[in-house]
Amino acid sequence: MPKARYLQLCNMIEEGIQAPLSEFCQKLQRGEDPEAARAKLQGALSVAVARAIVLAVSNGVEPFSSGELLA
């Protein structure tokens, strides 16, 4: 996959998790129980990655394995 596509995927994932990650960190800093925020962050990350993959495939990028995405 071209470098520009990887950058686009990274940007989409980053945008999708920015607010939930900030909320998670704030709860940790305030000493609150982080479990609810962790679950929300985990869900936001899953959605952001899924959206990035769908966009990549819809733009003609060959599907790739999860190992390639996570490597």
PDB file of N, CA and C in Angstrom:
ATOM      1  N   MET A   1       0.863  -1.168   0.000  1.00  0.00           N
ATOM      2  CA  MET A   1       0.000   0.000   0.000  1.00  0.00           C
ATOM      3  C   MET A   1       0.906   1.227   0.000  1.00  0.00           C
ATOM      4  N   PRO A   2       0.568   2.231  -0.791  1.00  0.00           N
ATOM      5  CA  PRO A   2       1.391   3.452  -0.846  1.00  0.00           C
ATOM      6  C   PRO A   2       1.414   4.177   0.500  1.00  0.00           C
ATOM      7  N   LYS A   3       2.508   4.887   0.724  1.00  0.00           N
ATOM      8  CA  LYS A   3       2.703   5.611   1.976  1.00  0.00           C
ATOM      9  C   LYS A   3       1.547   6.574   2.263  1.00  0.00           C
ATOM     10  N   ALA A   4       1.056   7.243   1.248  1.00  0.00           N
ATOM     11  CA  ALA A   4      -0.050   8.197   1.437  1.00  0.00           C
ATOM     12  C   ALA A   4      -1.293   7.508   1.999  1.00  0.00           C
ATOM     13  N   ARG A   5      -1.535   6.278   1.578  1.00  0.00           N
ATOM     14  CA  ARG A   5      -2.702   5.536   2.084  1.00  0.00           C
ATOM     15  C   ARG A   5      -2.517   5.192   3.557  1.00  0.00           C
ATOM     16  N   TYR A   6      -1.300   4.781   3.926  1.00  0.00           N
ATOM     17  CA  TYR A   6      -1.034   4.494   5.334  1.00  0.00           C
ATOM     18  C   TYR A   6      -1.247   5.748   6.183  1.00  0.00           C
ATOM     19  N   LEU A   7      -0.784   6.873   5.688  1.00  0.00           N
ATOM     20  CA  LEU A   7      -0.956   8.127   6.423  1.00  0.00           C
ATOM     21  C   LEU A   7      -2.430   8.481   6.568  1.00  0.00           C
ATOM     22  N   GLN A   8      -3.191   8.247   5.518  1.00  0.00           N
ATOM     23  CA  GLN A   8      -4.625   8.515   5.568  1.00  0.00           C
ATOM     24  C   GLN A   8      -5.296   7.613   6.611  1.00  0.00           C
ATOM     25  N   LEU A   9      -4.906   6.343   6.638  1.00  0.00           N
ATOM     26  CA  LEU A   9      -5.453   5.429   7.628  1.00  0.00           C
ATOM     27  C   LEU A   9      -5.096   5.876   9.042  1.00  0.00           C
ATOM     28  N   CYS A  10      -3.855   6.266   9.238  1.00  0.00           N
ATOM     29  CA  CYS A  10      -3.421   6.734  10.559  1.00  0.00           C
ATOM     30  C   CYS A  10      -4.218   7.956  11.005  1.00  0.00           C
ATOM     31  N   ASN A  11      -4.406   8.896  10.095  1.00  0.00           N
ATOM     32  CA  ASN A  11      -5.158  10.106  10.428  1.00  0.00           C
ATOM     33  C   ASN A  11      -6.598   9.785  10.802  1.00  0.00           C
ATOM     34  N   MET A  12      -7.220   8.865  10.069  1.00  0.00           N
ATOM     35  CA  MET A  12      -8.605   8.497  10.371  1.00  0.00           C
ATOM     36  C   MET A  12      -8.707   7.832  11.738  1.00  0.00           C
ATOM     37  N   ILE A  13      -7.767   6.949  12.030  1.00  0.00           N
ATOM     38  CA  ILE A  13      -7.787   6.264  13.320  1.00  0.00           C
ATOM     39  C   ILE A  13      -7.553   7.261  14.447  1.00  0.00           C
ATOM     40  N   GLU A  14      -6.602   8.146  14.246  1.00  0.00           N
ATOM     41  CA  GLU A  14      -6.293   9.156  15.264  1.00  0.00           C
ATOM     42  C   GLU A  14      -7.501  10.047  15.545  1.00  0.00           C
ATOM     43  N   GLU A  15      -8.171  10.502  14.493  1.00  0.00           N
ATOM     44  CA  GLU A  15      -9.345  11.357  14.673  1.00  0.00           C
ATOM     45  C   GLU A  15     -10.459  10.616  15.412  1.00  0.00           C
ATOM     46  N   GLY A  16     -10.598   9.328  15.138  1.00  0.00           N
ATOM     47  CA  GLY A  16     -11.670   8.553  15.745  1.00  0.00           C
ATOM     48  C   GLY A  16     -11.482   8.275  17.226  1.00  0.00           C
ATOM     49  N   ILE A  17     -10.236   8.269  17.687  1.00  0.00           N
ATOM     50  CA  ILE A  17     -10.008   7.935  19.094  1.00  0.00           C
ATOM     51  C   ILE A  17      -9.577   9.124  19.940  1.00  0.00           C
ATOM     52  N   GLN A  18      -9.414  10.270  19.332  1.00  0.00           N
ATOM     53  CA  GLN A  18      -8.892  11.435  20.063  1.00  0.00           C
ATOM     54  C   GLN A  18      -9.743  11.791  21.282  1.00  0.00           C
ATOM     55  N   ALA A  19     -11.035  11.983  21.119  1.00  0.00           N
ATOM     56  CA  ALA A  19     -11.895  12.370  22.242  1.00  0.00           C
ATOM     57  C   ALA A  19     -12.001  11.260  23.299  1.00  0.00           C
ATOM     58  N   PRO A  20     -12.255   9.996  22.907  1.00  0.00           N
ATOM     59  CA  PRO A  20     -12.307   8.951  23.930  1.00  0.00           C
ATOM     60  C   PRO A  20     -10.977   8.759  24.667  1.00  0.00           C
ATOM     61  N   LEU A  21      -9.862   8.928  23.981  1.00  0.00           N
ATOM     62  CA  LEU A  21      -8.562   8.812  24.637  1.00  0.00           C
ATOM     63  C   LEU A  21      -8.371   9.942  25.641  1.00  0.00           C
ATOM     64  N   SER A  22      -8.756  11.144  25.270  1.00  0.00           N
ATOM     65  CA  SER A  22      -8.659  12.282  26.172  1.00  0.00           C
ATOM     66  C   SER A  22      -9.525  12.056  27.416  1.00  0.00           C
ATOM     67  N   GLU A  23     -10.736  11.573  27.203  1.00  0.00           N
ATOM     68  CA  GLU A  23     -11.646  11.290  28.328  1.00  0.00           C
ATOM     69  C   GLU A  23     -11.040  10.219  29.242  1.00  0.00           C
ATOM     70  N   PHE A  24     -10.473   9.189  28.667  1.00  0.00           N
ATOM     71  CA  PHE A  24      -9.851   8.122  29.442  1.00  0.00           C
ATOM     72  C   PHE A  24      -8.715   8.673  30.311  1.00  0.00           C
ATOM     73  N   CYS A  25      -7.855   9.471  29.706  1.00  0.00           N
ATOM     74  CA  CYS A  25      -6.725  10.052  30.435  1.00  0.00           C
ATOM     75  C   CYS A  25      -7.192  10.980  31.557  1.00  0.00           C
ATOM     76  N   GLN A  26      -8.230  11.771  31.290  1.00  0.00           N
ATOM     77  CA  GLN A  26      -8.761  12.671  32.320  1.00  0.00           C
ATOM     78  C   GLN A  26      -9.301  11.884  33.511  1.00  0.00           C
ATOM     79  N   LYS A  27      -9.992  10.784  33.237  1.00  0.00           N
ATOM     80  CA  LYS A  27     -10.519   9.962  34.336  1.00  0.00           C
ATOM     81  C   LYS A  27      -9.385   9.370  35.155  1.00  0.00           C
ATOM     82  N   LEU A  28      -8.329   8.943  34.491  1.00  0.00           N
ATOM     83  CA  LEU A  28      -7.176   8.408  35.220  1.00  0.00           C
ATOM     84  C   LEU A  28      -6.537   9.487  36.088  1.00  0.00           C
ATOM     85  N   GLN A  29      -6.411  10.684  35.542  1.00  0.00           N
ATOM     86  CA  GLN A  29      -5.798  11.783  36.287  1.00  0.00           C
ATOM     87  C   GLN A  29      -6.632  12.186  37.502  1.00  0.00           C
ATOM     88  N   ARG A  30      -7.950  12.060  37.387  1.00  0.00           N
ATOM     89  CA  ARG A  30      -8.832  12.405  38.500  1.00  0.00           C
ATOM     90  C   ARG A  30      -8.957  11.268  39.510  1.00  0.00           C
ATOM     91  N   GLY A  31      -8.340  10.139  39.214  1.00  0.00           N
ATOM     92  CA  GLY A  31      -8.384   8.998  40.115  1.00  0.00           C
ATOM     93  C   GLY A  31      -9.673   8.206  40.040  1.00  0.00           C
ATOM     94  N   GLU A  32     -10.461   8.414  38.994  1.00  0.00           N
ATOM     95  CA  GLU A  32     -11.718   7.676  38.835  1.00  0.00           C
ATOM     96  C   GLU A  32     -11.441   6.257  38.344  1.00  0.00           C
ATOM     97  N   ASP A  33     -12.432   5.403  38.524  1.00  0.00           N
ATOM     98  CA  ASP A  33     -12.340   4.040  38.013  1.00  0.00           C
ATOM     99  C   ASP A  33     -12.337   4.106  36.483  1.00  0.00           C
ATOM    100  N   PRO A  34     -11.285   3.622  35.860  1.00  0.00           N
ATOM    101  CA  PRO A  34     -11.145   3.795  34.416  1.00  0.00           C
ATOM    102  C   PRO A  34     -11.876   2.762  33.564  1.00  0.00           C
ATOM    103  N   GLU A  35     -12.560   1.789  34.160  1.00  0.00           N
ATOM    104  CA  GLU A  35     -13.119   0.693  33.363  1.00  0.00           C
ATOM    105  C   GLU A  35     -14.152   1.138  32.322  1.00  0.00           C
ATOM    106  N   ALA A  36     -15.070   2.018  32.682  1.00  0.00           N
ATOM    107  CA  ALA A  36     -16.076   2.466  31.704  1.00  0.00           C
ATOM    108  C   ALA A  36     -15.406   3.234  30.569  1.00  0.00           C
ATOM    109  N   ALA A  37     -14.457   4.088  30.915  1.00  0.00           N
ATOM    110  CA  ALA A  37     -13.756   4.845  29.879  1.00  0.00           C
ATOM    111  C   ALA A  37     -12.899   3.928  29.017  1.00  0.00           C
ATOM    112  N   ARG A  38     -12.327   2.890  29.617  1.00  0.00           N
ATOM    113  CA  ARG A  38     -11.514   1.944  28.857  1.00  0.00           C
ATOM    114  C   ARG A  38     -12.370   1.232  27.813  1.00  0.00           C
ATOM    115  N   ALA A  39     -13.555   0.835  28.220  1.00  0.00           N
ATOM    116  CA  ALA A  39     -14.461   0.164  27.289  1.00  0.00           C
ATOM    117  C   ALA A  39     -14.843   1.097  26.141  1.00  0.00           C
ATOM    118  N   LYS A  40     -15.114   2.348  26.467  1.00  0.00           N
ATOM    119  CA  LYS A  40     -15.477   3.325  25.432  1.00  0.00           C
ATOM    120  C   LYS A  40     -14.300   3.558  24.488  1.00  0.00           C
ATOM    121  N   LEU A  41     -13.103   3.661  25.046  1.00  0.00           N
ATOM    122  CA  LEU A  41     -11.905   3.843  24.230  1.00  0.00           C
ATOM    123  C   LEU A  41     -11.683   2.641  23.319  1.00  0.00           C
ATOM    124  N   GLN A  42     -11.847   1.451  23.863  1.00  0.00           N
ATOM    125  CA  GLN A  42     -11.672   0.237  23.072  1.00  0.00           C
ATOM    126  C   GLN A  42     -12.676   0.197  21.915  1.00  0.00           C
ATOM    127  N   GLY A  43     -13.925   0.554  22.195  1.00  0.00           N
ATOM    128  CA  GLY A  43     -14.937   0.591  21.137  1.00  0.00           C
ATOM    129  C   GLY A  43     -14.623   1.625  20.076  1.00  0.00           C
ATOM    130  N   ALA A  44     -14.171   2.805  20.506  1.00  0.00           N
ATOM    131  CA  ALA A  44     -13.831   3.866  19.552  1.00  0.00           C
ATOM    132  C   ALA A  44     -12.670   3.440  18.661  1.00  0.00           C
ATOM    133  N   LEU A  45     -11.708   2.745  19.225  1.00  0.00           N
ATOM    134  CA  LEU A  45     -10.572   2.276  18.437  1.00  0.00           C
ATOM    135  C   LEU A  45     -11.030   1.251  17.399  1.00  0.00           C
ATOM    136  N   SER A  46     -11.889   0.342  17.807  1.00  0.00           N
ATOM    137  CA  SER A  46     -12.405  -0.670  16.877  1.00  0.00           C
ATOM    138  C   SER A  46     -13.162  -0.027  15.719  1.00  0.00           C
ATOM    139  N   VAL A  47     -14.015   0.942  16.036  1.00  0.00           N
ATOM    140  CA  VAL A  47     -14.797   1.629  15.000  1.00  0.00           C
ATOM    141  C   VAL A  47     -13.875   2.417  14.065  1.00  0.00           C
ATOM    142  N   ALA A  48     -12.898   3.121  14.631  1.00  0.00           N
ATOM    143  CA  ALA A  48     -11.980   3.921  13.814  1.00  0.00           C
ATOM    144  C   ALA A  48     -11.185   3.046  12.857  1.00  0.00           C
ATOM    145  N   VAL A  49     -10.712   1.907  13.329  1.00  0.00           N
ATOM    146  CA  VAL A  49      -9.949   0.997  12.467  1.00  0.00           C
ATOM    147  C   VAL A  49     -10.851   0.421  11.383  1.00  0.00           C
ATOM    148  N   ALA A  50     -12.064   0.023  11.752  1.00  0.00           N
ATOM    149  CA  ALA A  50     -12.991  -0.530  10.766  1.00  0.00           C
ATOM    150  C   ALA A  50     -13.317   0.494   9.687  1.00  0.00           C
ATOM    151  N   ARG A  51     -13.575   1.740  10.073  1.00  0.00           N
ATOM    152  CA  ARG A  51     -13.879   2.789   9.092  1.00  0.00           C
ATOM    153  C   ARG A  51     -12.695   3.024   8.164  1.00  0.00           C
ATOM    154  N   ALA A  52     -11.493   3.021   8.715  1.00  0.00           N
ATOM    155  CA  ALA A  52     -10.299   3.241   7.901  1.00  0.00           C
ATOM    156  C   ALA A  52     -10.125   2.107   6.888  1.00  0.00           C
ATOM    157  N   ILE A  53     -10.377   0.876   7.307  1.00  0.00           N
ATOM    158  CA  ILE A  53     -10.247  -0.260   6.392  1.00  0.00           C
ATOM    159  C   ILE A  53     -11.300  -0.186   5.298  1.00  0.00           C
ATOM    160  N   VAL A  54     -12.535   0.126   5.662  1.00  0.00           N
ATOM    161  CA  VAL A  54     -13.606   0.246   4.666  1.00  0.00           C
ATOM    162  C   VAL A  54     -13.261   1.333   3.648  1.00  0.00           C
ATOM    163  N   LEU A  55     -12.791   2.475   4.121  1.00  0.00           N
ATOM    164  CA  LEU A  55     -12.416   3.550   3.204  1.00  0.00           C
ATOM    165  C   LEU A  55     -11.282   3.119   2.284  1.00  0.00           C
ATOM    166  N   ALA A  56     -10.302   2.456   2.831  1.00  0.00           N
ATOM    167  CA  ALA A  56      -9.166   2.010   2.016  1.00  0.00           C
ATOM    168  C   ALA A  56      -9.629   1.051   0.930  1.00  0.00           C
ATOM    169  N   VAL A  57     -10.444   0.068   1.303  1.00  0.00           N
ATOM    170  CA  VAL A  57     -10.923  -0.913   0.329  1.00  0.00           C
ATOM    171  C   VAL A  57     -11.817  -0.239  -0.706  1.00  0.00           C
ATOM    172  N   SER A  58     -12.674   0.700  -0.279  1.00  0.00           N
ATOM    173  CA  SER A  58     -13.557   1.376  -1.228  1.00  0.00           C
ATOM    174  C   SER A  58     -12.778   2.274  -2.188  1.00  0.00           C
ATOM    175  N   ASN A  59     -11.564   2.647  -1.809  1.00  0.00           N
ATOM    176  CA  ASN A  59     -10.720   3.448  -2.695  1.00  0.00           C
ATOM    177  C   ASN A  59      -9.770   2.599  -3.522  1.00  0.00           C
ATOM    178  N   GLY A  60     -10.024   1.293  -3.554  1.00  0.00           N
ATOM    179  CA  GLY A  60      -9.253   0.419  -4.412  1.00  0.00           C
ATOM    180  C   GLY A  60      -7.978  -0.136  -3.812  1.00  0.00           C
ATOM    181  N   VAL A  61      -7.777   0.052  -2.536  1.00  0.00           N
ATOM    182  CA  VAL A  61      -6.601  -0.520  -1.898  1.00  0.00           C
ATOM    183  C   VAL A  61      -6.879  -1.994  -1.655  1.00  0.00           C
ATOM    184  N   GLU A  62      -5.914  -2.838  -2.001  1.00  0.00           N
ATOM    185  CA  GLU A  62      -6.080  -4.269  -1.798  1.00  0.00           C
ATOM    186  C   GLU A  62      -6.271  -4.561  -0.317  1.00  0.00           C
ATOM    187  N   PRO A  63      -7.182  -5.444   0.006  1.00  0.00           N
ATOM    188  CA  PRO A  63      -7.341  -5.824   1.416  1.00  0.00           C
ATOM    189  C   PRO A  63      -6.036  -6.385   1.961  1.00  0.00           C
ATOM    190  N   PHE A  64      -5.814  -6.184   3.226  1.00  0.00           N
ATOM    191  CA  PHE A  64      -4.592  -6.672   3.848  1.00  0.00           C
ATOM    192  C   PHE A  64      -4.956  -7.406   5.129  1.00  0.00           C
ATOM    193  N   SER A  65      -4.047  -8.234   5.580  1.00  0.00           N
ATOM    194  CA  SER A  65      -4.320  -9.021   6.775  1.00  0.00           C
ATOM    195  C   SER A  65      -4.194  -8.148   8.014  1.00  0.00           C
ATOM    196  N   SER A  66      -4.778  -8.595   9.107  1.00  0.00           N
ATOM    197  CA  SER A  66      -4.668  -7.840  10.344  1.00  0.00           C
ATOM    198  C   SER A  66      -3.219  -7.774  10.795  1.00  0.00           C
ATOM    199  N   GLY A  67      -2.432  -8.775  10.473  1.00  0.00           N
ATOM    200  CA  GLY A  67      -1.009  -8.755  10.812  1.00  0.00           C
ATOM    201  C   GLY A  67      -0.280  -7.626  10.115  1.00  0.00           C
ATOM    202  N   GLU A  68      -0.642  -7.367   8.863  1.00  0.00           N
ATOM    203  CA  GLU A  68      -0.020  -6.259   8.138  1.00  0.00           C
ATOM    204  C   GLU A  68      -0.432  -4.927   8.732  1.00  0.00           C
ATOM    205  N   LEU A  69      -1.692  -4.804   9.141  1.00  0.00           N
ATOM    206  CA  LEU A  69      -2.175  -3.558   9.730  1.00  0.00           C
ATOM    207  C   LEU A  69      -1.501  -3.302  11.070  1.00  0.00           C
ATOM    208  N   LEU A  70      -1.323  -4.342  11.848  1.00  0.00           N
ATOM    209  CA  LEU A  70      -0.773  -4.191  13.187  1.00  0.00           C
ATOM    210  C   LEU A  70       0.747  -4.186  13.215  1.00  0.00           C
ATOM    211  N   ALA A  71       1.373  -4.585  12.130  1.00  0.00           N
ATOM    212  CA  ALA A  71       2.846  -4.669  12.104  1.00  0.00           C
ATOM    213  C   ALA A  71       3.490  -3.307  12.110  1.00  0.00           C
TER     214      ALA A  71
END
